[in-house]
């Protein structure tokens, strides 16, 4: 999950009693930094939560490839997508 997100996305994870690992965001798009994400994935990672900010879509193809390689879930959240 990007460190620059809409707080309700993080609240859902907290309420599910799961551990949040934040990754840095790209300053150009405010989306997940793919490089930082790759460095933070471990064998305990269960999902990637990508939150669309300011109506700028995530790099879904890259995120989907990463999720498949590591056999983890990819969740796309557009909570702030339309303002």
Protein backbone atom coordinates (compact mmCIF):
# COMPACT_ATOMS: atom_id res chain seq x y z
CA UNK A 1 0.00 0.00 0.00
CA UNK A 2 1.38 3.40 -0.94
CA UNK A 3 2.26 5.69 1.93
CA UNK A 4 0.16 8.40 0.23
CA UNK A 5 -3.39 7.02 0.39
CA UNK A 6 -6.95 7.70 1.40
CA UNK A 7 -7.08 6.67 5.08
CA UNK A 8 -10.17 4.47 4.81
CA UNK A 9 -8.21 1.96 2.75
CA UNK A 10 -5.77 1.51 5.63
CA UNK A 11 -8.64 1.32 8.13
CA UNK A 12 -10.12 -1.68 6.31
CA UNK A 13 -6.85 -3.56 6.71
CA UNK A 14 -6.58 -2.62 10.37
CA UNK A 15 -10.15 -3.79 11.03
CA UNK A 16 -9.29 -7.12 9.38
CA UNK A 17 -6.39 -7.41 11.87
CA UNK A 18 -3.87 -7.67 9.06
CA UNK A 19 -0.45 -6.04 9.07
CA UNK A 20 0.09 -3.03 6.81
CA UNK A 21 3.42 -2.55 5.10
CA UNK A 22 3.58 0.84 3.42
CA UNK A 23 5.70 1.43 0.35
CA UNK A 24 6.96 4.72 -1.03
CA UNK A 25 5.06 6.49 -3.76
CA UNK A 26 6.20 7.94 -7.08
CA UNK A 27 6.34 11.74 -6.82
CA UNK A 28 5.09 12.09 -10.40
CA UNK A 29 1.90 10.03 -10.01
CA UNK A 30 1.48 9.51 -6.24
CA UNK A 31 1.02 5.80 -7.00
CA UNK A 32 2.96 2.84 -5.63
CA UNK A 33 6.67 2.85 -6.30
CA UNK A 34 7.17 -0.45 -8.11
CA UNK A 35 10.84 -0.52 -7.10
CA UNK A 36 10.07 -0.07 -3.39
CA UNK A 37 7.22 -2.58 -3.60
CA UNK A 38 9.56 -5.23 -5.02
CA UNK A 39 11.99 -4.65 -2.15
CA UNK A 40 9.31 -5.04 0.52
CA UNK A 41 7.58 -8.23 -0.66
CA UNK A 42 8.38 -11.18 1.61
CA UNK A 43 7.15 -14.75 1.94
CA UNK A 44 4.55 -13.40 4.41
CA UNK A 45 3.05 -10.95 1.91
CA UNK A 46 -0.52 -11.93 1.15
CA UNK A 47 -1.76 -9.05 -1.00
CA UNK A 48 -0.95 -5.79 -2.73
CA UNK A 49 -3.47 -3.00 -2.21
CA UNK A 50 -3.14 -0.33 -4.88
CA UNK A 51 -5.15 2.81 -4.19
CA UNK A 52 -5.89 5.14 -7.09
CA UNK A 53 -5.21 8.75 -6.07
CA UNK A 54 -6.33 11.93 -7.89
CA UNK A 55 -7.84 9.86 -10.73
CA UNK A 56 -4.37 8.65 -11.80
CA UNK A 57 -4.53 4.91 -12.47
CA UNK A 58 -1.94 2.55 -11.05
CA UNK A 59 0.42 0.61 -13.33
CA UNK A 60 -1.93 -2.36 -13.25
CA UNK A 61 0.07 -4.47 -15.70
CA UNK A 62 3.23 -4.22 -13.60
CA UNK A 63 1.31 -4.87 -10.38
CA UNK A 64 -0.45 -7.87 -11.92
CA UNK A 65 2.88 -9.36 -13.02
CA UNK A 66 4.37 -8.89 -9.55
CA UNK A 67 1.32 -10.48 -7.92
CA UNK A 68 1.46 -13.49 -10.25
CA UNK A 69 5.20 -14.02 -9.76
CA UNK A 70 4.81 -13.99 -5.97
CA UNK A 71 1.44 -15.78 -5.96
CA UNK A 72 -0.28 -13.01 -3.98
CA UNK A 73 -3.59 -11.20 -4.36
CA UNK A 74 -3.86 -7.83 -6.11
CA UNK A 75 -6.57 -5.49 -4.81
CA UNK A 76 -7.30 -2.30 -6.76
CA UNK A 77 -9.06 0.42 -4.77
CA UNK A 78 -10.52 3.45 -6.55
CA UNK A 79 -11.90 5.07 -3.40
CA UNK A 80 -10.50 8.48 -4.39
CA UNK A 81 -10.58 7.91 -8.14
CA UNK A 82 -13.43 10.23 -9.01
CA UNK A 83 -12.78 12.87 -6.36
